[in-house]
Amino acid sequence: MDTDLNPTTLAIEFLRRDKSNLSPAQYLKKLKQLELEFADLLTLSSNELKEEIYFAWRLGVHVH
């Protein structure tokens, strides 16, 4: 079993939990967007990631 985090796996798992009704084209577009975002996040240091999380929290971005 591969347990390495990679942008594609993270994006697919994120979309798998998303309850949006996406067309195939919308799904692929969202997948590519998320892959880029996760790739950027994976390059951050621990402190930089904490700053990003705090910034998102201040903007009201959260998941329940």
Protein backbone atom coordinates (compact mmCIF):
# COMPACT_ATOMS: atom_id res chain seq x y z
CA MET A 1 0.00 0.00 0.00
CA ASP A 2 1.33 3.41 -1.01
CA THR A 3 1.01 5.88 1.85
CA ASP A 4 2.92 8.79 0.30
CA LEU A 5 0.93 11.97 0.00
CA ASN A 6 0.87 13.32 -3.51
CA PRO A 7 -1.23 16.10 -5.05
CA THR A 8 -3.29 13.77 -7.25
CA THR A 9 -4.27 11.43 -4.42
CA LEU A 10 -5.15 14.34 -2.15
CA ALA A 11 -7.23 15.99 -4.88
CA ILE A 12 -9.13 12.79 -5.64
CA GLU A 13 -9.83 12.17 -1.96
CA PHE A 14 -10.99 15.75 -1.54
CA LEU A 15 -13.36 15.45 -4.49
CA ARG A 16 -14.58 12.05 -3.33
CA ARG A 17 -15.88 13.70 -0.15
CA ASP A 18 -17.33 16.70 -2.01
CA LYS A 19 -21.12 16.46 -2.34
CA SER A 20 -21.29 18.82 -5.34
CA ASN A 21 -22.97 17.60 -8.50
CA LEU A 22 -20.19 18.10 -11.05
CA SER A 23 -20.26 17.26 -14.72
CA PRO A 24 -17.28 15.23 -15.98
CA ALA A 25 -15.71 18.40 -17.40
CA GLN A 26 -16.24 20.29 -14.13
CA TYR A 27 -14.78 17.34 -12.20
CA LEU A 28 -11.61 17.31 -14.32
CA LYS A 29 -11.23 21.08 -14.07
CA LYS A 30 -11.64 20.96 -10.28
CA LEU A 31 -9.25 17.99 -10.06
CA LYS A 32 -6.52 19.88 -11.92
CA GLN A 33 -7.07 23.00 -9.80
CA LEU A 34 -6.86 20.98 -6.58
CA GLU A 35 -3.75 19.13 -7.75
CA LEU A 36 -2.00 22.48 -8.20
CA GLU A 37 -3.18 23.77 -4.84
CA PHE A 38 -2.12 20.60 -3.01
CA ALA A 39 1.26 20.64 -4.81
CA ASP A 40 1.81 24.19 -3.52
CA LEU A 41 0.75 23.25 0.01
CA LEU A 42 3.07 20.23 0.10
CA THR A 43 6.08 22.48 -0.53
CA LEU A 44 5.37 24.59 2.57
CA SER A 45 7.24 24.22 5.82
CA SER A 46 5.32 23.38 8.97
CA ASN A 47 5.24 27.02 10.05
CA GLU A 48 4.15 28.23 6.62
CA LEU A 49 1.36 25.65 6.60
CA LYS A 50 0.19 26.82 10.03
CA GLU A 51 0.11 30.38 8.71
CA GLU A 52 -2.00 29.28 5.71
CA ILE A 53 -4.42 27.44 8.01
CA TYR A 54 -4.71 30.46 10.30
CA PHE A 55 -5.27 32.77 7.33
CA ALA A 56 -8.04 30.49 6.00
CA TRP A 57 -9.60 30.34 9.46
CA ARG A 58 -9.62 34.15 9.65
CA LEU A 59 -11.39 34.26 6.28
CA GLY A 60 -14.02 31.87 7.59
CA VAL A 61 -12.90 28.88 5.52
CA HIS A 62 -13.54 25.76 7.55
CA VAL A 63 -14.95 22.28 7.20
CA HIS A 64 -17.26 20.54 9.64
